[in-house]
Structures are given as structure tokens and as C-alpha cells.
Amino acid sequence: MNSREDVEYRLNLSKGFLREAEQDFQLGRWRSCVANAQLSVENAGKAVLMLFGVSTKTHEPAKHMAHLIKSPEIPKQAQDKIKDILPDFLLLGAEEHFMTDYGDESSYKLPWDLFDEESAQFVLDAARKCKAGAEEIVGEVHRWRS
């Protein structure tokens, strides 16, 4: 489950969804930008979890990543990097995933009415940070294990 190929696959998913989020932003498709940014973050988080043998059957990798910070088995540099990026991972969990797909059912707001350029830019910046952080963690751990 935590092979290099699995981790790289998740990182590649993160990169692809981030690329689509960037394209959506350029086209002014705010909901789609947020949806793809959320998927980028989710897959970046899953790459980090897989790196340390944690199951990736979740839409909330940040919850599991918070536990890695306390684990004595995780290298200190990786723990510090996770601490740095964890707030951004916490921003884009399952709630945002559901909002981009279904809207706010309690107020009957459609997904396209929930996001604007400002919110898309905020989320896109967070996704960039999460993807870059995950790549850094993966690179450090692979060097540490070699």
C-alpha cells in the first residue's frame, strides 16, 4: 500500500487536479476551480499518508495527518512540514467537496452560487501550497529512507 508507485500516483493526481483548477480559474469557472483544487489537496494529503502506511480511504486526509505530527516514527523535518501545511489541508476537506457538488442544501444555494473569484483564488493558493508541501515531504522521506 505505501509503495513509491502508490505515493507517486497520488502526487500525480494532485498535480493533474491542480492543473485543471488553474485552467478553471483562467476561464472564470469558480465552482469547478474549487472542486479541482479540493481534489488536488485530497490527493496530496493521501500521498503523505500513504508514505507512512496510513490507509487512504478518506476524504479528510488532514484529520489523519494531524496524528502524524505526534508520531515518533515520523522524521522531525516531515513533522515540521506537516505542521506548516496542515491548516491549508484542513480548509479543503469533505465539506468543500460536498459543497462544490451539491451546493448548500440547507439554504437551497446551488454550487455555482457559492463560489466567486476571491474564494476560488484563496482555495487555489491553498492547493498550490498543499501540493508543494506534499512533494517536499515525499522527497525528504524518500531521501531519508535511501
Protein backbone atom coordinates (compact mmCIF):
# COMPACT_ATOMS: atom_id res chain seq x y z
CA MET A 1 0.00 0.00 0.00
CA ASN A 2 2.80 2.50 0.70
CA SER A 3 4.96 1.76 -2.29
CA ARG A 4 6.69 4.55 -4.14
CA GLU A 5 4.40 3.94 -7.10
CA ASP A 6 1.27 4.45 -4.97
CA VAL A 7 2.64 7.66 -3.49
CA GLU A 8 3.74 8.96 -6.90
CA TYR A 9 0.34 8.10 -8.34
CA ARG A 10 -1.38 10.23 -5.68
CA LEU A 11 1.07 13.09 -6.27
CA ASN A 12 0.38 12.90 -9.99
CA LEU A 13 -3.36 13.03 -9.32
CA SER A 14 -2.76 16.09 -7.16
CA LYS A 15 -0.75 17.76 -9.94
CA GLY A 16 -3.39 16.98 -12.55
CA PHE A 17 -6.28 18.32 -10.50
CA LEU A 18 -4.26 21.43 -9.65
CA ARG A 19 -3.56 21.96 -13.35
CA GLU A 20 -7.29 21.73 -14.06
CA ALA A 21 -8.05 24.12 -11.18
CA GLU A 22 -5.62 26.63 -12.69
CA GLN A 23 -7.35 26.29 -16.07
CA ASP A 24 -10.78 26.67 -14.47
CA PHE A 25 -9.62 29.83 -12.72
CA GLN A 26 -8.40 31.31 -16.00
CA LEU A 27 -11.80 30.55 -17.54
CA GLY A 28 -13.72 32.04 -14.61
CA ARG A 29 -15.25 28.71 -13.61
CA TRP A 30 -15.10 29.31 -9.85
CA ARG A 31 -17.04 26.24 -8.68
CA SER A 32 -15.02 23.95 -10.89
CA CYS A 33 -11.79 25.61 -9.78
CA VAL A 34 -12.66 24.99 -6.12
CA ALA A 35 -13.73 21.40 -6.84
CA ASN A 36 -10.48 20.58 -8.63
CA ALA A 37 -8.38 22.38 -6.03
CA GLN A 38 -10.09 20.32 -3.31
CA LEU A 39 -9.30 17.10 -5.19
CA SER A 40 -5.69 18.22 -5.58
CA VAL A 41 -5.44 18.78 -1.83
CA GLU A 42 -7.14 15.49 -1.02
CA ASN A 43 -4.73 13.53 -3.20
CA ALA A 44 -1.67 15.42 -1.91
CA GLY A 45 -2.74 14.51 1.61
CA LYS A 46 -3.30 10.89 0.64
CA ALA A 47 0.22 10.77 -0.83
CA VAL A 48 1.64 11.86 2.53
CA LEU A 49 -0.50 9.35 4.41
CA MET A 50 0.49 6.51 2.09
CA LEU A 51 4.12 7.43 2.58
CA PHE A 52 3.75 6.46 6.22
CA GLY A 53 1.49 3.43 5.67
CA VAL A 54 -1.79 5.10 6.65
CA SER A 55 -4.94 3.97 4.82
CA THR A 56 -6.15 6.47 2.24
CA LYS A 57 -9.84 5.59 2.38
CA THR A 58 -10.88 9.09 3.39
CA HIS A 59 -12.00 12.44 2.01
CA GLU A 60 -10.41 14.07 5.08
CA PRO A 61 -6.68 13.30 4.98
CA ALA A 62 -5.96 16.30 7.22
CA LYS A 63 -7.54 14.55 10.20
CA HIS A 64 -5.12 11.66 9.80
CA MET A 65 -2.18 13.94 9.02
CA ALA A 66 -2.64 15.64 12.39
CA HIS A 67 -1.80 12.33 14.06
CA LEU A 68 1.45 12.04 12.07
CA ILE A 69 2.77 15.15 13.81
CA LYS A 70 2.76 13.28 17.12
CA SER A 71 4.21 10.02 15.84
CA PRO A 72 7.78 9.26 16.94
CA GLU A 73 8.20 7.20 13.74
CA ILE A 74 7.89 10.30 11.51
CA PRO A 75 11.11 12.25 10.84
CA LYS A 76 11.21 15.64 12.57
CA GLN A 77 11.57 17.54 9.28
CA ALA A 78 8.46 15.84 7.91
CA GLN A 79 6.56 16.60 11.12
CA ASP A 80 7.53 20.27 10.88
CA LYS A 81 6.46 20.49 7.24
CA ILE A 82 3.14 18.80 8.01
CA LYS A 83 2.59 21.35 10.79
CA ASP A 84 3.25 24.17 8.32
CA ILE A 85 0.76 22.99 5.73
CA LEU A 86 -1.88 21.33 7.92
CA PRO A 87 -4.05 24.49 8.16
CA ASP A 88 -4.35 24.54 4.37
CA PHE A 89 -5.28 20.86 4.30
CA LEU A 90 -7.93 21.48 6.95
CA LEU A 91 -9.53 24.16 4.75
CA LEU A 92 -10.32 21.75 1.94
CA GLY A 93 -11.92 18.63 3.26
CA ALA A 94 -15.11 16.72 2.64
CA GLU A 95 -17.39 19.70 3.35
CA GLU A 96 -15.96 21.66 0.44
CA HIS A 97 -16.15 18.52 -1.71
CA PHE A 98 -19.87 18.23 -0.99
CA MET A 99 -20.49 21.98 -1.42
CA THR A 100 -18.90 22.00 -4.88
CA ASP A 101 -21.01 19.02 -5.93
CA TYR A 102 -24.34 19.60 -4.19
CA GLY A 103 -24.35 23.21 -3.03
CA ASP A 104 -25.75 24.24 0.33
CA GLU A 105 -28.88 22.15 0.60
CA SER A 106 -29.96 23.80 3.86
CA SER A 107 -30.29 27.20 2.15
CA TYR A 108 -31.00 25.85 -1.35
CA LYS A 109 -27.93 27.59 -2.78
CA LEU A 110 -26.59 25.94 -5.88
CA PRO A 111 -22.87 25.19 -6.08
CA TRP A 112 -22.35 27.87 -8.75
CA ASP A 113 -23.75 30.49 -6.36
CA LEU A 114 -21.38 29.62 -3.52
CA PHE A 115 -18.03 30.46 -5.07
CA ASP A 116 -16.63 33.61 -6.61
CA GLU A 117 -13.25 34.75 -7.91
CA GLU A 118 -11.99 35.66 -4.45
CA SER A 119 -12.90 32.32 -2.87
CA ALA A 120 -11.50 30.43 -5.87
CA GLN A 121 -8.21 32.34 -5.61
CA PHE A 122 -7.98 31.61 -1.89
CA VAL A 123 -8.59 27.90 -2.41
CA LEU A 124 -6.24 27.73 -5.40
CA ASP A 125 -3.43 29.26 -3.34
CA ALA A 126 -4.04 26.71 -0.57
CA ALA A 127 -3.99 23.85 -3.09
CA ARG A 128 -0.67 25.04 -4.53
CA LYS A 129 0.80 25.13 -1.04
CA CYS A 130 -0.52 21.65 -0.17
CA LYS A 131 0.77 20.06 -3.36
CA ALA A 132 4.20 21.66 -2.98
CA GLY A 133 4.36 20.67 0.68
CA ALA A 134 3.41 17.08 -0.05
CA GLU A 135 6.07 16.88 -2.78
CA GLU A 136 8.65 18.24 -0.34
CA ILE A 137 7.69 15.74 2.36
CA VAL A 138 7.75 12.82 -0.07
CA GLY A 139 11.14 13.88 -1.41
CA GLU A 140 12.63 14.25 2.07
CA VAL A 141 11.30 10.91 3.27
CA HIS A 142 12.49 9.08 0.15
CA ARG A 143 15.98 10.56 0.67
CA TRP A 144 15.85 9.69 4.37
CA ARG A 145 14.88 6.09 3.60
CA SER A 146 17.52 5.62 0.89
